[in-house]
Structure formats: structure tokens, C-alpha cells
Amino acid sequence: MARTKKAVAPEYDRDAWEYVTYAPGHKCSACMRTVKPLDPVLRGTIDRTSGAPAVIYRHDKCPTPDAVAT
């Protein structure tokens, strides 16, 4: 039986956001802060090697991780 080459997940195109929405309770993929109820976020997906694409959210105007107070 021949071995198959392991699939690699493709790089995410950061300019291919689907639309702006509100997603309270989810985490921003850039700054890792929890999204508040009225924070506009960009919705996107990342292809995975196994399973369906994963949905990710990023603040519309995301602060840099250094500027975020913990």
C-alpha cells in the first residue's frame, strides 16, 4: 500500500474577510480579547486539514496586543 503525503493547511488570506458582524463572547484572532456585544468584528474562515473550515473573528479596528491592558 502506498503512503499518501500529509496535507498541509493553506495559509490564510487576511484580505479575504467575509463581512462585518457582531459576535459577542468570541475571541479576536489578533489580540485574543473577548469581543464585547457592540464591537464590530470581521468574520472569516480558515481551512483545516481535517474537518470543516474554522470560523474566526477579528475586531474591525483591532488594537495591537501590546496596547491591550490585561
PDB file of N, CA and C in Angstrom:
ATOM      1  N   MET A   1       0.840  -1.163   0.000  1.00  0.00           N
ATOM      2  CA  MET A   1       0.000   0.000   0.000  1.00  0.00           C
ATOM      3  C   MET A   1       0.896   1.240   0.000  1.00  0.00           C
ATOM      4  N   ALA A   2       0.609   2.185  -0.876  1.00  0.00           N
ATOM      5  CA  ALA A   2       1.413   3.402  -0.976  1.00  0.00           C
ATOM      6  C   ALA A   2       1.007   4.404   0.102  1.00  0.00           C
ATOM      7  N   ARG A   3       1.991   5.098   0.618  1.00  0.00           N
ATOM      8  CA  ARG A   3       1.700   6.133   1.616  1.00  0.00           C
ATOM      9  C   ARG A   3       1.311   7.426   0.909  1.00  0.00           C
ATOM     10  N   THR A   4       0.351   8.107   1.485  1.00  0.00           N
ATOM     11  CA  THR A   4      -0.055   9.386   0.910  1.00  0.00           C
ATOM     12  C   THR A   4       0.658  10.515   1.639  1.00  0.00           C
ATOM     13  N   LYS A   5       0.900  11.582   0.913  1.00  0.00           N
ATOM     14  CA  LYS A   5       1.559  12.741   1.510  1.00  0.00           C
ATOM     15  C   LYS A   5       0.573  13.455   2.424  1.00  0.00           C
ATOM     16  N   LYS A   6       1.041  13.857   3.600  1.00  0.00           N
ATOM     17  CA  LYS A   6       0.195  14.540   4.573  1.00  0.00           C
ATOM     18  C   LYS A   6      -0.195  15.914   4.035  1.00  0.00           C
ATOM     19  N   ALA A   7      -1.477  16.229   4.108  1.00  0.00           N
ATOM     20  CA  ALA A   7      -1.970  17.521   3.627  1.00  0.00           C
ATOM     21  C   ALA A   7      -1.572  18.628   4.588  1.00  0.00           C
ATOM     22  N   VAL A   8      -1.266  19.778   4.041  1.00  0.00           N
ATOM     23  CA  VAL A   8      -0.899  20.943   4.834  1.00  0.00           C
ATOM     24  C   VAL A   8      -2.000  21.980   4.664  1.00  0.00           C
ATOM     25  N   ALA A   9      -2.423  22.568   5.761  1.00  0.00           N
ATOM     26  CA  ALA A   9      -3.453  23.601   5.688  1.00  0.00           C
ATOM     27  C   ALA A   9      -2.902  24.818   4.954  1.00  0.00           C
ATOM     28  N   PRO A  10      -3.672  25.389   4.026  1.00  0.00           N
ATOM     29  CA  PRO A  10      -3.186  26.560   3.298  1.00  0.00           C
ATOM     30  C   PRO A  10      -3.097  27.792   4.189  1.00  0.00           C
ATOM     31  N   GLU A  11      -2.241  28.716   3.804  1.00  0.00           N
ATOM     32  CA  GLU A  11      -2.120  29.980   4.536  1.00  0.00           C
ATOM     33  C   GLU A  11      -3.419  30.758   4.389  1.00  0.00           C
ATOM     34  N   TYR A  12      -3.742  31.546   5.402  1.00  0.00           N
ATOM     35  CA  TYR A  12      -4.971  32.327   5.383  1.00  0.00           C
ATOM     36  C   TYR A  12      -4.734  33.664   4.695  1.00  0.00           C
ATOM     37  N   ASP A  13      -5.603  34.012   3.771  1.00  0.00           N
ATOM     38  CA  ASP A  13      -5.525  35.298   3.085  1.00  0.00           C
ATOM     39  C   ASP A  13      -6.221  36.332   3.956  1.00  0.00           C
ATOM     40  N   ARG A  14      -5.461  37.191   4.617  1.00  0.00           N
ATOM     41  CA  ARG A  14      -6.008  38.135   5.590  1.00  0.00           C
ATOM     42  C   ARG A  14      -6.896  39.203   4.956  1.00  0.00           C
ATOM     43  N   ASP A  15      -6.855  39.359   3.638  1.00  0.00           N
ATOM     44  CA  ASP A  15      -7.701  40.346   2.978  1.00  0.00           C
ATOM     45  C   ASP A  15      -9.033  39.759   2.534  1.00  0.00           C
ATOM     46  N   ALA A  16      -9.277  38.498   2.815  1.00  0.00           N
ATOM     47  CA  ALA A  16     -10.485  37.831   2.338  1.00  0.00           C
ATOM     48  C   ALA A  16     -11.540  37.700   3.429  1.00  0.00           C
ATOM     49  N   TRP A  17     -11.767  38.752   4.187  1.00  0.00           N
ATOM     50  CA  TRP A  17     -12.800  38.723   5.222  1.00  0.00           C
ATOM     51  C   TRP A  17     -14.151  38.710   4.558  1.00  0.00           C
ATOM     52  N   GLU A  18     -15.112  37.978   5.133  1.00  0.00           N
ATOM     53  CA  GLU A  18     -16.424  37.819   4.518  1.00  0.00           C
ATOM     54  C   GLU A  18     -17.307  39.046   4.704  1.00  0.00           C
ATOM     55  N   TYR A  19     -17.488  39.484   5.954  1.00  0.00           N
ATOM     56  CA  TYR A  19     -18.341  40.637   6.225  1.00  0.00           C
ATOM     57  C   TYR A  19     -18.140  41.110   7.655  1.00  0.00           C
ATOM     58  N   VAL A  20     -18.668  42.289   7.956  1.00  0.00           N
ATOM     59  CA  VAL A  20     -18.611  42.837   9.307  1.00  0.00           C
ATOM     60  C   VAL A  20     -19.867  42.406  10.047  1.00  0.00           C
ATOM     61  N   THR A  21     -19.712  41.958  11.290  1.00  0.00           N
ATOM     62  CA  THR A  21     -20.843  41.477  12.074  1.00  0.00           C
ATOM     63  C   THR A  21     -20.574  41.752  13.553  1.00  0.00           C
ATOM     64  N   TYR A  22     -21.425  41.250  14.398  1.00  0.00           N
ATOM     65  CA  TYR A  22     -21.250  41.326  15.854  1.00  0.00           C
ATOM     66  C   TYR A  22     -21.209  39.907  16.386  1.00  0.00           C
ATOM     67  N   ALA A  23     -20.221  39.578  17.193  1.00  0.00           N
ATOM     68  CA  ALA A  23     -20.057  38.217  17.704  1.00  0.00           C
ATOM     69  C   ALA A  23     -19.657  38.253  19.169  1.00  0.00           C
ATOM     70  N   PRO A  24     -20.568  38.699  20.041  1.00  0.00           N
ATOM     71  CA  PRO A  24     -20.193  38.788  21.456  1.00  0.00           C
ATOM     72  C   PRO A  24     -19.830  37.429  22.035  1.00  0.00           C
ATOM     73  N   GLY A  25     -18.801  37.422  22.860  1.00  0.00           N
ATOM     74  CA  GLY A  25     -18.383  36.188  23.517  1.00  0.00           C
ATOM     75  C   GLY A  25     -17.276  35.441  22.793  1.00  0.00           C
ATOM     76  N   HIS A  26     -17.063  35.698  21.502  1.00  0.00           N
ATOM     77  CA  HIS A  26     -15.985  35.045  20.761  1.00  0.00           C
ATOM     78  C   HIS A  26     -14.684  35.777  21.018  1.00  0.00           C
ATOM     79  N   LYS A  27     -13.563  35.162  20.694  1.00  0.00           N
ATOM     80  CA  LYS A  27     -12.242  35.773  20.875  1.00  0.00           C
ATOM     81  C   LYS A  27     -11.752  36.343  19.546  1.00  0.00           C
ATOM     82  N   CYS A  28     -11.105  37.509  19.622  1.00  0.00           N
ATOM     83  CA  CYS A  28     -10.473  38.117  18.455  1.00  0.00           C
ATOM     84  C   CYS A  28      -9.228  37.300  18.121  1.00  0.00           C
ATOM     85  N   SER A  29      -9.033  36.979  16.833  1.00  0.00           N
ATOM     86  CA  SER A  29      -7.884  36.153  16.446  1.00  0.00           C
ATOM     87  C   SER A  29      -6.571  36.928  16.489  1.00  0.00           C
ATOM     88  N   ALA A  30      -6.621  38.258  16.553  1.00  0.00           N
ATOM     89  CA  ALA A  30      -5.390  39.045  16.573  1.00  0.00           C
ATOM     90  C   ALA A  30      -4.949  39.385  17.994  1.00  0.00           C
ATOM     91  N   CYS A  31      -5.866  39.957  18.788  1.00  0.00           N
ATOM     92  CA  CYS A  31      -5.466  40.406  20.131  1.00  0.00           C
ATOM     93  C   CYS A  31      -5.904  39.434  21.234  1.00  0.00           C
ATOM     94  N   MET A  32      -6.676  38.414  20.885  1.00  0.00           N
ATOM     95  CA  MET A  32      -7.138  37.367  21.807  1.00  0.00           C
ATOM     96  C   MET A  32      -8.030  37.896  22.931  1.00  0.00           C
ATOM     97  N   ARG A  33      -8.610  39.108  22.766  1.00  0.00           N
ATOM     98  CA  ARG A  33      -9.572  39.626  23.737  1.00  0.00           C
ATOM     99  C   ARG A  33     -10.959  39.103  23.385  1.00  0.00           C
ATOM    100  N   THR A  34     -11.828  39.013  24.384  1.00  0.00           N
ATOM    101  CA  THR A  34     -13.207  38.620  24.155  1.00  0.00           C
ATOM    102  C   THR A  34     -13.946  39.782  23.498  1.00  0.00           C
ATOM    103  N   VAL A  35     -14.737  39.483  22.486  1.00  0.00           N
ATOM    104  CA  VAL A  35     -15.495  40.505  21.767  1.00  0.00           C
ATOM    105  C   VAL A  35     -16.682  40.932  22.613  1.00  0.00           C
ATOM    106  N   LYS A  36     -16.847  42.236  22.797  1.00  0.00           N
ATOM    107  CA  LYS A  36     -17.969  42.787  23.563  1.00  0.00           C
ATOM    108  C   LYS A  36     -19.208  42.860  22.672  1.00  0.00           C
ATOM    109  N   PRO A  37     -20.421  42.986  23.259  1.00  0.00           N
ATOM    110  CA  PRO A  37     -21.652  42.947  22.472  1.00  0.00           C
ATOM    111  C   PRO A  37     -21.748  43.955  21.327  1.00  0.00           C
ATOM    112  N   LEU A  38     -21.223  45.154  21.455  1.00  0.00           N
ATOM    113  CA  LEU A  38     -21.358  46.148  20.392  1.00  0.00           C
ATOM    114  C   LEU A  38     -20.066  46.403  19.619  1.00  0.00           C
ATOM    115  N   ASP A  39     -19.072  45.513  19.750  1.00  0.00           N
ATOM    116  CA  ASP A  39     -17.828  45.637  18.984  1.00  0.00           C
ATOM    117  C   ASP A  39     -18.030  45.060  17.586  1.00  0.00           C
ATOM    118  N   PRO A  40     -17.852  45.867  16.517  1.00  0.00           N
ATOM    119  CA  PRO A  40     -17.937  45.301  15.174  1.00  0.00           C
ATOM    120  C   PRO A  40     -16.704  44.443  14.904  1.00  0.00           C
ATOM    121  N   VAL A  41     -16.908  43.260  14.324  1.00  0.00           N
ATOM    122  CA  VAL A  41     -15.812  42.352  14.012  1.00  0.00           C
ATOM    123  C   VAL A  41     -15.915  41.890  12.568  1.00  0.00           C
ATOM    124  N   LEU A  42     -14.783  41.512  12.008  1.00  0.00           N
ATOM    125  CA  LEU A  42     -14.735  40.913  10.679  1.00  0.00           C
ATOM    126  C   LEU A  42     -14.830  39.409  10.835  1.00  0.00           C
ATOM    127  N   ARG A  43     -15.629  38.757   9.984  1.00  0.00           N
ATOM    128  CA  ARG A  43     -15.783  37.302  10.044  1.00  0.00           C
ATOM    129  C   ARG A  43     -14.997  36.691   8.898  1.00  0.00           C
ATOM    130  N   GLY A  44     -14.277  35.631   9.182  1.00  0.00           N
ATOM    131  CA  GLY A  44     -13.524  34.921   8.167  1.00  0.00           C
ATOM    132  C   GLY A  44     -13.447  33.445   8.508  1.00  0.00           C
ATOM    133  N   THR A  45     -12.874  32.660   7.621  1.00  0.00           N
ATOM    134  CA  THR A  45     -12.705  31.228   7.867  1.00  0.00           C
ATOM    135  C   THR A  45     -11.277  30.818   7.528  1.00  0.00           C
ATOM    136  N   ILE A  46     -10.828  29.778   8.180  1.00  0.00           N
ATOM    137  CA  ILE A  46      -9.525  29.180   7.912  1.00  0.00           C
ATOM    138  C   ILE A  46      -9.764  27.723   7.563  1.00  0.00           C
ATOM    139  N   ASP A  47      -9.188  27.281   6.444  1.00  0.00           N
ATOM    140  CA  ASP A  47      -9.288  25.878   6.070  1.00  0.00           C
ATOM    141  C   ASP A  47      -8.429  25.043   7.001  1.00  0.00           C
ATOM    142  N   ARG A  48      -8.966  23.891   7.405  1.00  0.00           N
ATOM    143  CA  ARG A  48      -8.221  22.974   8.268  1.00  0.00           C
ATOM    144  C   ARG A  48      -7.923  21.707   7.490  1.00  0.00           C
ATOM    145  N   THR A  49      -6.883  21.008   7.903  1.00  0.00           N
ATOM    146  CA  THR A  49      -6.533  19.765   7.214  1.00  0.00           C
ATOM    147  C   THR A  49      -7.557  18.673   7.461  1.00  0.00           C
ATOM    148  N   SER A  50      -8.244  18.728   8.590  1.00  0.00           N
ATOM    149  CA  SER A  50      -9.289  17.741   8.859  1.00  0.00           C
ATOM    150  C   SER A  50     -10.544  18.472   9.321  1.00  0.00           C
ATOM    151  N   GLY A  51     -11.646  18.176   8.717  1.00  0.00           N
ATOM    152  CA  GLY A  51     -12.903  18.773   9.131  1.00  0.00           C
ATOM    153  C   GLY A  51     -13.263  20.024   8.346  1.00  0.00           C
ATOM    154  N   ALA A  52     -14.345  20.632   8.777  1.00  0.00           N
ATOM    155  CA  ALA A  52     -14.859  21.830   8.125  1.00  0.00           C
ATOM    156  C   ALA A  52     -13.983  23.044   8.439  1.00  0.00           C
ATOM    157  N   PRO A  53     -14.075  24.094   7.622  1.00  0.00           N
ATOM    158  CA  PRO A  53     -13.307  25.306   7.914  1.00  0.00           C
ATOM    159  C   PRO A  53     -13.688  25.891   9.271  1.00  0.00           C
ATOM    160  N   ALA A  54     -12.724  26.487   9.947  1.00  0.00           N
ATOM    161  CA  ALA A  54     -12.952  27.101  11.255  1.00  0.00           C
ATOM    162  C   ALA A  54     -13.283  28.573  11.061  1.00  0.00           C
ATOM    163  N   VAL A  55     -14.308  29.052  11.755  1.00  0.00           N
ATOM    164  CA  VAL A  55     -14.708  30.452  11.690  1.00  0.00           C
ATOM    165  C   VAL A  55     -13.874  31.246  12.684  1.00  0.00           C
ATOM    166  N   ILE A  56     -13.338  32.387  12.231  1.00  0.00           N
ATOM    167  CA  ILE A  56     -12.564  33.263  13.109  1.00  0.00           C
ATOM    168  C   ILE A  56     -13.130  34.672  13.029  1.00  0.00           C
ATOM    169  N   TYR A  57     -12.887  35.445  14.077  1.00  0.00           N
ATOM    170  CA  TYR A  57     -13.344  36.824  14.145  1.00  0.00           C
ATOM    171  C   TYR A  57     -12.175  37.714  14.506  1.00  0.00           C
ATOM    172  N   ARG A  58     -12.168  38.938  13.980  1.00  0.00           N
ATOM    173  CA  ARG A  58     -11.150  39.925  14.308  1.00  0.00           C
ATOM    174  C   ARG A  58     -11.839  41.279  14.445  1.00  0.00           C
ATOM    175  N   HIS A  59     -11.442  42.052  15.474  1.00  0.00           N
ATOM    176  CA  HIS A  59     -12.008  43.390  15.634  1.00  0.00           C
ATOM    177  C   HIS A  59     -11.844  44.189  14.342  1.00  0.00           C
ATOM    178  N   ASP A  60     -12.842  44.997  14.014  1.00  0.00           N
ATOM    179  CA  ASP A  60     -12.776  45.840  12.820  1.00  0.00           C
ATOM    180  C   ASP A  60     -11.576  46.771  12.897  1.00  0.00           C
ATOM    181  N   LYS A  61     -11.358  47.361  14.046  1.00  0.00           N
ATOM    182  CA  LYS A  61     -10.180  48.193  14.293  1.00  0.00           C
ATOM    183  C   LYS A  61      -9.478  47.609  15.521  1.00  0.00           C
ATOM    184  N   CYS A  62      -8.751  46.546  15.293  1.00  0.00           N
ATOM    185  CA  CYS A  62      -8.134  45.794  16.373  1.00  0.00           C
ATOM    186  C   CYS A  62      -6.914  46.519  16.938  1.00  0.00           C
ATOM    187  N   PRO A  63      -6.882  46.700  18.252  1.00  0.00           N
ATOM    188  CA  PRO A  63      -5.693  47.287  18.865  1.00  0.00           C
ATOM    189  C   PRO A  63      -4.549  46.271  18.823  1.00  0.00           C
ATOM    190  N   THR A  64      -3.353  46.759  18.879  1.00  0.00           N
ATOM    191  CA  THR A  64      -2.208  45.839  18.889  1.00  0.00           C
ATOM    192  C   THR A  64      -2.177  45.124  20.230  1.00  0.00           C
ATOM    193  N   PRO A  65      -1.673  43.902  20.277  1.00  0.00           N
ATOM    194  CA  PRO A  65      -1.614  43.173  21.548  1.00  0.00           C
ATOM    195  C   PRO A  65      -0.818  43.903  22.623  1.00  0.00           C
ATOM    196  N   ASP A  66       0.168  44.729  22.234  1.00  0.00           N
ATOM    197  CA  ASP A  66       0.966  45.477  23.218  1.00  0.00           C
ATOM    198  C   ASP A  66       0.140  46.562  23.895  1.00  0.00           C
ATOM    199  N   ALA A  67      -0.851  47.120  23.174  1.00  0.00           N
ATOM    200  CA  ALA A  67      -1.644  48.222  23.703  1.00  0.00           C
ATOM    201  C   ALA A  67      -2.807  47.747  24.562  1.00  0.00           C
ATOM    202  N   VAL A  68      -3.068  46.439  24.571  1.00  0.00           N
ATOM    203  CA  VAL A  68      -4.190  45.905  25.328  1.00  0.00           C
ATOM    204  C   VAL A  68      -3.808  45.767  26.793  1.00  0.00           C
ATOM    205  N   ALA A  69      -4.584  46.354  27.654  1.00  0.00           N
ATOM    206  CA  ALA A  69      -4.332  46.234  29.098  1.00  0.00           C
ATOM    207  C   ALA A  69      -4.893  44.915  29.588  1.00  0.00           C
ATOM    208  N   THR A  70      -4.151  44.199  30.380  1.00  0.00           N
ATOM    209  CA  THR A  70      -4.639  42.913  30.899  1.00  0.00           C
ATOM    210  C   THR A  70      -5.177  43.049  32.280  1.00  0.00           C
TER     211      THR A  70
END
